[in-house]
Amino acid sequence: MTASAETLAALSAGALPPAALANVVLCLDRMDKLREIDPAANTIMVEAGCTLAAIQQQAAAHGRLFPMALGSQGSCQIGGNISTNAGNSTWCCTTSRARATR
């Protein structure tokens, strides 16, 4: 389960994974860096904690459009969006688990 610090502070007990299943809650807040943008290849590499709004702003600054829009784009993180298929993530493709999601 991925979550931000704000989400973790607001979670009710019903939203937490059962202790018996030994799940891990991963906070991605500090993994919010833009790693690389290549306008010629139409690719952007970001860390999982980047908000959708930050990615859209960086894409726009390079004359590109990041094709996903959600009501929570100012706070939702791309790692959570991809892991839950939020917004029907057909716009991305995974090149490798260890490498990147394009």
PDB file of N, CA and C in Angstrom:
ATOM      1  N   MET A   1       0.850  -1.166   0.000  1.00  0.00           N
ATOM      2  CA  MET A   1       0.000   0.000   0.000  1.00  0.00           C
ATOM      3  C   MET A   1       0.893   1.225   0.000  1.00  0.00           C
ATOM      4  N   THR A   2       0.675   2.148  -0.922  1.00  0.00           N
ATOM      5  CA  THR A   2       1.443   3.388  -0.935  1.00  0.00           C
ATOM      6  C   THR A   2       0.603   4.492  -0.325  1.00  0.00           C
ATOM      7  N   ALA A   3       1.242   5.411   0.363  1.00  0.00           N
ATOM      8  CA  ALA A   3       0.520   6.503   1.007  1.00  0.00           C
ATOM      9  C   ALA A   3       1.453   7.662   1.257  1.00  0.00           C
ATOM     10  N   SER A   4       0.882   8.861   1.322  1.00  0.00           N
ATOM     11  CA  SER A   4       1.657  10.037   1.695  1.00  0.00           C
ATOM     12  C   SER A   4       1.533  10.230   3.202  1.00  0.00           C
ATOM     13  N   ALA A   5       2.339  11.095   3.769  1.00  0.00           N
ATOM     14  CA  ALA A   5       2.264  11.366   5.203  1.00  0.00           C
ATOM     15  C   ALA A   5       0.896  11.932   5.562  1.00  0.00           C
ATOM     16  N   GLU A   6       0.323  12.768   4.699  1.00  0.00           N
ATOM     17  CA  GLU A   6      -1.011  13.320   4.952  1.00  0.00           C
ATOM     18  C   GLU A   6      -2.048  12.209   5.010  1.00  0.00           C
ATOM     19  N   THR A   7      -1.958  11.266   4.092  1.00  0.00           N
ATOM     20  CA  THR A   7      -2.902  10.149   4.059  1.00  0.00           C
ATOM     21  C   THR A   7      -2.759   9.300   5.306  1.00  0.00           C
ATOM     22  N   LEU A   8      -1.527   9.017   5.698  1.00  0.00           N
ATOM     23  CA  LEU A   8      -1.308   8.187   6.875  1.00  0.00           C
ATOM     24  C   LEU A   8      -1.870   8.840   8.125  1.00  0.00           C
ATOM     25  N   ALA A   9      -1.760  10.157   8.226  1.00  0.00           N
ATOM     26  CA  ALA A   9      -2.281  10.867   9.393  1.00  0.00           C
ATOM     27  C   ALA A   9      -3.800  10.825   9.432  1.00  0.00           C
ATOM     28  N   ALA A  10      -4.451  10.731   8.271  1.00  0.00           N
ATOM     29  CA  ALA A  10      -5.908  10.779   8.204  1.00  0.00           C
ATOM     30  C   ALA A  10      -6.567   9.403   8.111  1.00  0.00           C
ATOM     31  N   LEU A  11      -5.791   8.342   8.017  1.00  0.00           N
ATOM     32  CA  LEU A  11      -6.369   7.008   7.847  1.00  0.00           C
ATOM     33  C   LEU A  11      -7.153   6.573   9.072  1.00  0.00           C
ATOM     34  N   SER A  12      -8.284   5.944   8.824  1.00  0.00           N
ATOM     35  CA  SER A  12      -9.000   5.287   9.914  1.00  0.00           C
ATOM     36  C   SER A  12      -8.442   3.881  10.033  1.00  0.00           C
ATOM     37  N   ALA A  13      -8.733   3.230  11.111  1.00  0.00           N
ATOM     38  CA  ALA A  13      -8.204   1.884  11.315  1.00  0.00           C
ATOM     39  C   ALA A  13      -8.671   0.931  10.226  1.00  0.00           C
ATOM     40  N   GLY A  14      -9.845   1.165   9.661  1.00  0.00           N
ATOM     41  CA  GLY A  14     -10.361   0.295   8.611  1.00  0.00           C
ATOM     42  C   GLY A  14      -9.587   0.389   7.315  1.00  0.00           C
ATOM     43  N   ALA A  15      -8.813   1.451   7.119  1.00  0.00           N
ATOM     44  CA  ALA A  15      -8.060   1.640   5.885  1.00  0.00           C
ATOM     45  C   ALA A  15      -6.659   1.052   5.971  1.00  0.00           C
ATOM     46  N   LEU A  16      -6.258   0.611   7.149  1.00  0.00           N
ATOM     47  CA  LEU A  16      -4.933   0.026   7.308  1.00  0.00           C
ATOM     48  C   LEU A  16      -4.967  -1.460   6.987  1.00  0.00           C
ATOM     49  N   PRO A  17      -3.877  -2.003   6.446  1.00  0.00           N
ATOM     50  CA  PRO A  17      -3.847  -3.440   6.160  1.00  0.00           C
ATOM     51  C   PRO A  17      -3.917  -4.236   7.456  1.00  0.00           C
ATOM     52  N   PRO A  18      -4.572  -5.398   7.433  1.00  0.00           N
ATOM     53  CA  PRO A  18      -4.638  -6.231   8.638  1.00  0.00           C
ATOM     54  C   PRO A  18      -3.245  -6.641   9.109  1.00  0.00           C
ATOM     55  N   ALA A  19      -3.020  -6.571  10.395  1.00  0.00           N
ATOM     56  CA  ALA A  19      -1.715  -6.909  10.958  1.00  0.00           C
ATOM     57  C   ALA A  19      -1.339  -8.362  10.674  1.00  0.00           C
ATOM     58  N   ALA A  20      -2.326  -9.225  10.606  1.00  0.00           N
ATOM     59  CA  ALA A  20      -2.052 -10.643  10.389  1.00  0.00           C
ATOM     60  C   ALA A  20      -1.453 -10.914   9.012  1.00  0.00           C
ATOM     61  N   LEU A  21      -1.640 -10.015   8.062  1.00  0.00           N
ATOM     62  CA  LEU A  21      -1.121 -10.218   6.717  1.00  0.00           C
ATOM     63  C   LEU A  21       0.294  -9.677   6.536  1.00  0.00           C
ATOM     64  N   ALA A  22       0.839  -9.038   7.541  1.00  0.00           N
ATOM     65  CA  ALA A  22       2.203  -8.509   7.511  1.00  0.00           C
ATOM     66  C   ALA A  22       2.451  -7.614   6.297  1.00  0.00           C
ATOM     67  N   ASN A  23       1.530  -6.712   6.023  1.00  0.00           N
ATOM     68  CA  ASN A  23       1.689  -5.769   4.915  1.00  0.00           C
ATOM     69  C   ASN A  23       2.597  -4.616   5.304  1.00  0.00           C
ATOM     70  N   VAL A  24       3.042  -3.875   4.321  1.00  0.00           N
ATOM     71  CA  VAL A  24       3.906  -2.718   4.525  1.00  0.00           C
ATOM     72  C   VAL A  24       3.215  -1.501   3.931  1.00  0.00           C
ATOM     73  N   VAL A  25       3.218  -0.395   4.679  1.00  0.00           N
ATOM     74  CA  VAL A  25       2.728   0.870   4.156  1.00  0.00           C
ATOM     75  C   VAL A  25       3.955   1.686   3.815  1.00  0.00           C
ATOM     76  N   LEU A  26       4.080   2.106   2.568  1.00  0.00           N
ATOM     77  CA  LEU A  26       5.258   2.806   2.072  1.00  0.00           C
ATOM     78  C   LEU A  26       4.921   4.273   1.837  1.00  0.00           C
ATOM     79  N   CYS A  27       5.624   5.173   2.498  1.00  0.00           N
ATOM     80  CA  CYS A  27       5.424   6.609   2.321  1.00  0.00           C
ATOM     81  C   CYS A  27       6.416   7.105   1.268  1.00  0.00           C
ATOM     82  N   LEU A  28       5.895   7.692   0.184  1.00  0.00           N
ATOM     83  CA  LEU A  28       6.717   8.115  -0.950  1.00  0.00           C
ATOM     84  C   LEU A  28       7.002   9.614  -0.978  1.00  0.00           C
ATOM     85  N   ASP A  29       6.650  10.343   0.073  1.00  0.00           N
ATOM     86  CA  ASP A  29       6.736  11.801   0.069  1.00  0.00           C
ATOM     87  C   ASP A  29       8.097  12.353  -0.338  1.00  0.00           C
ATOM     88  N   ARG A  30       9.180  11.726   0.074  1.00  0.00           N
ATOM     89  CA  ARG A  30      10.502  12.270  -0.243  1.00  0.00           C
ATOM     90  C   ARG A  30      11.050  11.779  -1.578  1.00  0.00           C
ATOM     91  N   MET A  31      10.339  10.890  -2.234  1.00  0.00           N
ATOM     92  CA  MET A  31      10.742  10.410  -3.566  1.00  0.00           C
ATOM     93  C   MET A  31       9.991  11.231  -4.609  1.00  0.00           C
ATOM     94  N   ASP A  32      10.275  12.533  -4.652  1.00  0.00           N
ATOM     95  CA  ASP A  32       9.479  13.446  -5.475  1.00  0.00           C
ATOM     96  C   ASP A  32      10.295  14.194  -6.525  1.00  0.00           C
ATOM     97  N   LYS A  33      11.356  13.588  -6.986  1.00  0.00           N
ATOM     98  CA  LYS A  33      12.261  14.270  -7.923  1.00  0.00           C
ATOM     99  C   LYS A  33      11.949  13.942  -9.384  1.00  0.00           C
ATOM    100  N   LEU A  34      12.144  14.942 -10.221  1.00  0.00           N
ATOM    101  CA  LEU A  34      12.135  14.740 -11.666  1.00  0.00           C
ATOM    102  C   LEU A  34      13.540  14.283 -12.024  1.00  0.00           C
ATOM    103  N   ARG A  35      13.663  13.102 -12.585  1.00  0.00           N
ATOM    104  CA  ARG A  35      14.978  12.546 -12.910  1.00  0.00           C
ATOM    105  C   ARG A  35      15.460  12.964 -14.290  1.00  0.00           C
ATOM    106  N   GLU A  36      14.570  12.930 -15.254  1.00  0.00           N
ATOM    107  CA  GLU A  36      14.986  13.216 -16.632  1.00  0.00           C
ATOM    108  C   GLU A  36      13.757  13.537 -17.468  1.00  0.00           C
ATOM    109  N   ILE A  37      13.899  14.502 -18.366  1.00  0.00           N
ATOM    110  CA  ILE A  37      12.847  14.773 -19.339  1.00  0.00           C
ATOM    111  C   ILE A  37      13.511  14.863 -20.707  1.00  0.00           C
ATOM    112  N   ASP A  38      12.949  14.164 -21.667  1.00  0.00           N
ATOM    113  CA  ASP A  38      13.482  14.136 -23.023  1.00  0.00           C
ATOM    114  C   ASP A  38      12.363  14.498 -23.989  1.00  0.00           C
ATOM    115  N   PRO A  39      12.216  15.792 -24.306  1.00  0.00           N
ATOM    116  CA  PRO A  39      11.135  16.214 -25.199  1.00  0.00           C
ATOM    117  C   PRO A  39      11.206  15.557 -26.578  1.00  0.00           C
ATOM    118  N   ALA A  40      12.406  15.288 -27.071  1.00  0.00           N
ATOM    119  CA  ALA A  40      12.540  14.673 -28.391  1.00  0.00           C
ATOM    120  C   ALA A  40      11.949  13.264 -28.414  1.00  0.00           C
ATOM    121  N   ALA A  41      12.118  12.527 -27.314  1.00  0.00           N
ATOM    122  CA  ALA A  41      11.597  11.165 -27.223  1.00  0.00           C
ATOM    123  C   ALA A  41      10.218  11.122 -26.558  1.00  0.00           C
ATOM    124  N   ASN A  42       9.739  12.296 -26.121  1.00  0.00           N
ATOM    125  CA  ASN A  42       8.449  12.379 -25.408  1.00  0.00           C
ATOM    126  C   ASN A  42       8.419  11.491 -24.171  1.00  0.00           C
ATOM    127  N   THR A  43       9.511  11.509 -23.394  1.00  0.00           N
ATOM    128  CA  THR A  43       9.567  10.720 -22.169  1.00  0.00           C
ATOM    129  C   THR A  43       9.921  11.604 -20.985  1.00  0.00           C
ATOM    130  N   ILE A  44       9.458  11.189 -19.831  1.00  0.00           N
ATOM    131  CA  ILE A  44       9.790  11.868 -18.581  1.00  0.00           C
ATOM    132  C   ILE A  44      10.013  10.779 -17.540  1.00  0.00           C
ATOM    133  N   MET A  45      11.074  10.898 -16.750  1.00  0.00           N
ATOM    134  CA  MET A  45      11.347   9.934 -15.698  1.00  0.00           C
ATOM    135  C   MET A  45      11.270  10.665 -14.368  1.00  0.00           C
ATOM    136  N   VAL A  46      10.379  10.191 -13.526  1.00  0.00           N
ATOM    137  CA  VAL A  46      10.175  10.814 -12.219  1.00  0.00           C
ATOM    138  C   VAL A  46      10.184   9.731 -11.154  1.00  0.00           C
ATOM    139  N   GLU A  47      10.374  10.158  -9.914  1.00  0.00           N
ATOM    140  CA  GLU A  47      10.293   9.224  -8.797  1.00  0.00           C
ATOM    141  C   GLU A  47       8.828   9.014  -8.431  1.00  0.00           C
ATOM    142  N   ALA A  48       8.552   7.938  -7.737  1.00  0.00           N
ATOM    143  CA  ALA A  48       7.184   7.516  -7.451  1.00  0.00           C
ATOM    144  C   ALA A  48       6.386   8.515  -6.619  1.00  0.00           C
ATOM    145  N   GLY A  49       7.041   9.372  -5.851  1.00  0.00           N
ATOM    146  CA  GLY A  49       6.334  10.323  -4.994  1.00  0.00           C
ATOM    147  C   GLY A  49       5.991  11.644  -5.653  1.00  0.00           C
ATOM    148  N   CYS A  50       6.320  11.826  -6.923  1.00  0.00           N
ATOM    149  CA  CYS A  50       5.977  13.063  -7.633  1.00  0.00           C
ATOM    150  C   CYS A  50       4.463  13.186  -7.747  1.00  0.00           C
ATOM    151  N   THR A  51       3.960  14.386  -7.504  1.00  0.00           N
ATOM    152  CA  THR A  51       2.521  14.584  -7.681  1.00  0.00           C
ATOM    153  C   THR A  51       2.219  14.715  -9.166  1.00  0.00           C
ATOM    154  N   LEU A  52       1.015  14.383  -9.504  1.00  0.00           N
ATOM    155  CA  LEU A  52       0.580  14.485 -10.892  1.00  0.00           C
ATOM    156  C   LEU A  52       0.692  15.927 -11.375  1.00  0.00           C
ATOM    157  N   ALA A  53       0.337  16.892 -10.524  1.00  0.00           N
ATOM    158  CA  ALA A  53       0.418  18.304 -10.909  1.00  0.00           C
ATOM    159  C   ALA A  53       1.853  18.727 -11.223  1.00  0.00           C
ATOM    160  N   ALA A  54       2.817  18.257 -10.440  1.00  0.00           N
ATOM    161  CA  ALA A  54       4.228  18.603 -10.680  1.00  0.00           C
ATOM    162  C   ALA A  54       4.699  18.037 -12.013  1.00  0.00           C
ATOM    163  N   ILE A  55       4.260  16.826 -12.334  1.00  0.00           N
ATOM    164  CA  ILE A  55       4.635  16.219 -13.614  1.00  0.00           C
ATOM    165  C   ILE A  55       4.018  16.998 -14.766  1.00  0.00           C
ATOM    166  N   GLN A  56       2.761  17.375 -14.630  1.00  0.00           N
ATOM    167  CA  GLN A  56       2.099  18.155 -15.672  1.00  0.00           C
ATOM    168  C   GLN A  56       2.794  19.501 -15.888  1.00  0.00           C
ATOM    169  N   GLN A  57       3.202  20.149 -14.799  1.00  0.00           N
ATOM    170  CA  GLN A  57       3.899  21.438 -14.910  1.00  0.00           C
ATOM    171  C   GLN A  57       5.237  21.285 -15.618  1.00  0.00           C
ATOM    172  N   GLN A  58       5.987  20.243 -15.283  1.00  0.00           N
ATOM    173  CA  GLN A  58       7.285  20.022 -15.926  1.00  0.00           C
ATOM    174  C   GLN A  58       7.109  19.698 -17.407  1.00  0.00           C
ATOM    175  N   ALA A  59       6.106  18.903 -17.729  1.00  0.00           N
ATOM    176  CA  ALA A  59       5.845  18.579 -19.128  1.00  0.00           C
ATOM    177  C   ALA A  59       5.476  19.847 -19.904  1.00  0.00           C
ATOM    178  N   ALA A  60       4.618  20.674 -19.334  1.00  0.00           N
ATOM    179  CA  ALA A  60       4.199  21.923 -19.989  1.00  0.00           C
ATOM    180  C   ALA A  60       5.377  22.865 -20.187  1.00  0.00           C
ATOM    181  N   ALA A  61       6.293  22.900 -19.222  1.00  0.00           N
ATOM    182  CA  ALA A  61       7.472  23.760 -19.335  1.00  0.00           C
ATOM    183  C   ALA A  61       8.359  23.354 -20.514  1.00  0.00           C
ATOM    184  N   HIS A  62       8.216  22.113 -20.961  1.00  0.00           N
ATOM    185  CA  HIS A  62       8.978  21.615 -22.106  1.00  0.00           C
ATOM    186  C   HIS A  62       8.110  21.461 -23.352  1.00  0.00           C
ATOM    187  N   GLY A  63       6.950  22.125 -23.336  1.00  0.00           N
ATOM    188  CA  GLY A  63       6.076  22.102 -24.504  1.00  0.00           C
ATOM    189  C   GLY A  63       5.361  20.779 -24.727  1.00  0.00           C
ATOM    190  N   ARG A  64       5.159  20.012 -23.673  1.00  0.00           N
ATOM    191  CA  ARG A  64       4.503  18.718 -23.776  1.00  0.00           C
ATOM    192  C   ARG A  64       3.290  18.668 -22.861  1.00  0.00           C
ATOM    193  N   LEU A  65       2.419  17.701 -23.093  1.00  0.00           N
ATOM    194  CA  LEU A  65       1.229  17.494 -22.285  1.00  0.00           C
ATOM    195  C   LEU A  65       1.311  16.112 -21.657  1.00  0.00           C
ATOM    196  N   PHE A  66       1.201  16.043 -20.339  1.00  0.00           N
ATOM    197  CA  PHE A  66       1.123  14.741 -19.679  1.00  0.00           C
ATOM    198  C   PHE A  66      -0.357  14.371 -19.664  1.00  0.00           C
ATOM    199  N   PRO A  67      -0.752  13.282 -20.322  1.00  0.00           N
ATOM    200  CA  PRO A  67      -2.152  13.022 -20.669  1.00  0.00           C
ATOM    201  C   PRO A  67      -3.027  12.409 -19.583  1.00  0.00           C
ATOM    202  N   MET A  68      -2.845  12.803 -18.356  1.00  0.00           N
ATOM    203  CA  MET A  68      -3.681  12.277 -17.283  1.00  0.00           C
ATOM    204  C   MET A  68      -4.183  13.439 -16.452  1.00  0.00           C
ATOM    205  N   ALA A  69      -5.462  13.445 -16.115  1.00  0.00           N
ATOM    206  CA  ALA A  69      -6.029  14.506 -15.286  1.00  0.00           C
ATOM    207  C   ALA A  69      -6.988  13.890 -14.276  1.00  0.00           C
ATOM    208  N   LEU A  70      -6.768  14.189 -13.015  1.00  0.00           N
ATOM    209  CA  LEU A  70      -7.622  13.709 -11.935  1.00  0.00           C
ATOM    210  C   LEU A  70      -7.972  14.882 -11.032  1.00  0.00           C
ATOM    211  N   GLY A  71      -9.062  14.794 -10.340  1.00  0.00           N
ATOM    212  CA  GLY A  71      -9.448  15.847  -9.405  1.00  0.00           C
ATOM    213  C   GLY A  71      -8.437  16.039  -8.290  1.00  0.00           C
ATOM    214  N   SER A  72      -7.704  14.993  -7.978  1.00  0.00           N
ATOM    215  CA  SER A  72      -6.719  15.044  -6.894  1.00  0.00           C
ATOM    216  C   SER A  72      -5.304  15.280  -7.398  1.00  0.00           C
ATOM    217  N   GLN A  73      -5.147  15.828  -8.605  1.00  0.00           N
ATOM    218  CA  GLN A  73      -3.816  15.919  -9.204  1.00  0.00           C
ATOM    219  C   GLN A  73      -2.819  16.741  -8.406  1.00  0.00           C
ATOM    220  N   GLY A  74      -3.279  17.607  -7.522  1.00  0.00           N
ATOM    221  CA  GLY A  74      -2.358  18.381  -6.691  1.00  0.00           C
ATOM    222  C   GLY A  74      -1.758  17.586  -5.552  1.00  0.00           C
ATOM    223  N   SER A  75      -2.382  16.461  -5.201  1.00  0.00           N
ATOM    224  CA  SER A  75      -1.885  15.676  -4.074  1.00  0.00           C
ATOM    225  C   SER A  75      -1.601  14.212  -4.414  1.00  0.00           C
ATOM    226  N   CYS A  76      -2.200  13.674  -5.466  1.00  0.00           N
ATOM    227  CA  CYS A  76      -1.956  12.259  -5.778  1.00  0.00           C
ATOM    228  C   CYS A  76      -0.549  12.074  -6.332  1.00  0.00           C
ATOM    229  N   GLN A  77       0.048  10.958  -5.995  1.00  0.00           N
ATOM    230  CA  GLN A  77       1.412  10.663  -6.412  1.00  0.00           C
ATOM    231  C   GLN A  77       1.394   9.654  -7.551  1.00  0.00           C
ATOM    232  N   ILE A  78       2.319   9.813  -8.478  1.00  0.00           N
ATOM    233  CA  ILE A  78       2.325   8.990  -9.685  1.00  0.00           C
ATOM    234  C   ILE A  78       2.533   7.506  -9.361  1.00  0.00           C
ATOM    235  N   GLY A  79       3.303   7.202  -8.337  1.00  0.00           N
ATOM    236  CA  GLY A  79       3.485   5.802  -7.953  1.00  0.00           C
ATOM    237  C   GLY A  79       2.174   5.157  -7.537  1.00  0.00           C
ATOM    238  N   GLY A  80       1.369   5.901  -6.789  1.00  0.00           N
ATOM    239  CA  GLY A  80       0.055   5.401  -6.388  1.00  0.00           C
ATOM    240  C   GLY A  80      -0.891   5.306  -7.563  1.00  0.00           C
ATOM    241  N   ASN A  81      -0.826   6.282  -8.462  1.00  0.00           N
ATOM    242  CA  ASN A  81      -1.681   6.254  -9.651  1.00  0.00           C
ATOM    243  C   ASN A  81      -1.400   5.010 -10.491  1.00  0.00           C
ATOM    244  N   ILE A  82      -0.135   4.724 -10.706  1.00  0.00           N
ATOM    245  CA  ILE A  82       0.233   3.574 -11.528  1.00  0.00           C
ATOM    246  C   ILE A  82      -0.117   2.267 -10.816  1.00  0.00           C
ATOM    247  N   SER A  83       0.171   2.194  -9.517  1.00  0.00           N
ATOM    248  CA  SER A  83      -0.069   0.936  -8.800  1.00  0.00           C
ATOM    249  C   SER A  83      -1.546   0.604  -8.664  1.00  0.00           C
ATOM    250  N   THR A  84      -2.415   1.618  -8.699  1.00  0.00           N
ATOM    251  CA  THR A  84      -3.858   1.375  -8.571  1.00  0.00           C
ATOM    252  C   THR A  84      -4.588   1.531  -9.897  1.00  0.00           C
ATOM    253  N   ASN A  85      -3.861   1.820 -10.964  1.00  0.00           N
ATOM    254  CA  ASN A  85      -4.440   2.054 -12.289  1.00  0.00           C
ATOM    255  C   ASN A  85      -5.423   3.224 -12.269  1.00  0.00           C
ATOM    256  N   ALA A  86      -5.131   4.221 -11.464  1.00  0.00           N
ATOM    257  CA  ALA A  86      -5.996   5.405 -11.380  1.00  0.00           C
ATOM    258  C   ALA A  86      -5.979   6.139 -12.713  1.00  0.00           C
ATOM    259  N   GLY A  87      -7.121   6.544 -13.176  1.00  0.00           N
ATOM    260  CA  GLY A  87      -7.213   7.268 -14.436  1.00  0.00           C
ATOM    261  C   GLY A  87      -6.988   6.391 -15.647  1.00  0.00           C
ATOM    262  N   ASN A  88      -7.103   5.075 -15.482  1.00  0.00           N
ATOM    263  CA  ASN A  88      -6.899   4.136 -16.578  1.00  0.00           C
ATOM    264  C   ASN A  88      -5.540   4.371 -17.225  1.00  0.00           C
ATOM    265  N   SER A  89      -4.524   3.872 -16.599  1.00  0.00           N
ATOM    266  CA  SER A  89      -3.134   4.151 -16.958  1.00  0.00           C
ATOM    267  C   SER A  89      -2.679   3.510 -18.264  1.00  0.00           C
ATOM    268  N   THR A  90      -3.483   3.570 -19.299  1.00  0.00           N
ATOM    269  CA  THR A  90      -3.073   3.022 -20.595  1.00  0.00           C
ATOM    270  C   THR A  90      -2.041   3.924 -21.270  1.00  0.00           C
ATOM    271  N   TRP A  91      -1.787   5.095 -20.726  1.00  0.00           N
ATOM    272  CA  TRP A  91      -0.827   6.041 -21.292  1.00  0.00           C
ATOM    273  C   TRP A  91       0.606   5.665 -20.967  1.00  0.00           C
ATOM    274  N   CYS A  92       0.820   4.732 -20.070  1.00  0.00           N
ATOM    275  CA  CYS A  92       2.206   4.396 -19.701  1.00  0.00           C
ATOM    276  C   CYS A  92       2.515   2.949 -20.042  1.00  0.00           C
ATOM    277  N   CYS A  93       3.788   2.680 -20.133  1.00  0.00           N
ATOM    278  CA  CYS A  93       4.191   1.279 -20.307  1.00  0.00           C
ATOM    279  C   CYS A  93       5.429   1.051 -19.464  1.00  0.00           C
ATOM    280  N   THR A  94       5.490  -0.089 -18.815  1.00  0.00           N
ATOM    281  CA  THR A  94       6.622  -0.418 -17.961  1.00  0.00           C
ATOM    282  C   THR A  94       7.707  -1.077 -18.793  1.00  0.00           C
ATOM    283  N   THR A  95       8.906  -0.513 -18.740  1.00  0.00           N
ATOM    284  CA  THR A  95      10.017  -1.083 -19.488  1.00  0.00           C
ATOM    285  C   THR A  95      10.682  -2.202 -18.687  1.00  0.00           C
ATOM    286  N   SER A  96      10.668  -2.082 -17.377  1.00  0.00           N
ATOM    287  CA  SER A  96      11.189  -3.128 -16.494  1.00  0.00           C
ATOM    288  C   SER A  96      10.864  -2.706 -15.076  1.00  0.00           C
ATOM    289  N   ARG A  97      10.672  -3.633 -14.202  1.00  0.00           N
ATOM    290  CA  ARG A  97      10.350  -3.275 -12.818  1.00  0.00           C
ATOM    291  C   ARG A  97      11.461  -2.458 -12.179  1.00  0.00           C
ATOM    292  N   ALA A  98      12.682  -2.812 -12.457  1.00  0.00           N
ATOM    293  CA  ALA A  98      13.813  -2.126 -11.828  1.00  0.00           C
ATOM    294  C   ALA A  98      14.146  -0.824 -12.551  1.00  0.00           C
ATOM    295  N   ARG A  99      13.708  -0.654 -13.775  1.00  0.00           N
ATOM    296  CA  ARG A  99      14.123   0.490 -14.582  1.00  0.00           C
ATOM    297  C   ARG A  99      13.149   1.661 -14.461  1.00  0.00           C
ATOM    298  N   ALA A 100      12.045   1.617 -15.148  1.00  0.00           N
ATOM    299  CA  ALA A 100      11.187   2.801 -15.206  1.00  0.00           C
ATOM    300  C   ALA A 100       9.807   2.482 -15.752  1.00  0.00           C
ATOM    301  N   THR A 101       8.912   3.404 -15.563  1.00  0.00           N
ATOM    302  CA  THR A 101       7.611   3.363 -16.219  1.00  0.00           C
ATOM    303  C   THR A 101       7.584   4.551 -17.141  1.00  0.00           C
ATOM    304  N   ARG A 102       7.328   4.324 -18.405  1.00  0.00           N
ATOM    305  CA  ARG A 102       7.339   5.414 -19.371  1.00  0.00           C
ATOM    306  C   ARG A 102       5.984   6.045 -19.480  1.00  0.00           C
TER     307      ARG A 102
END
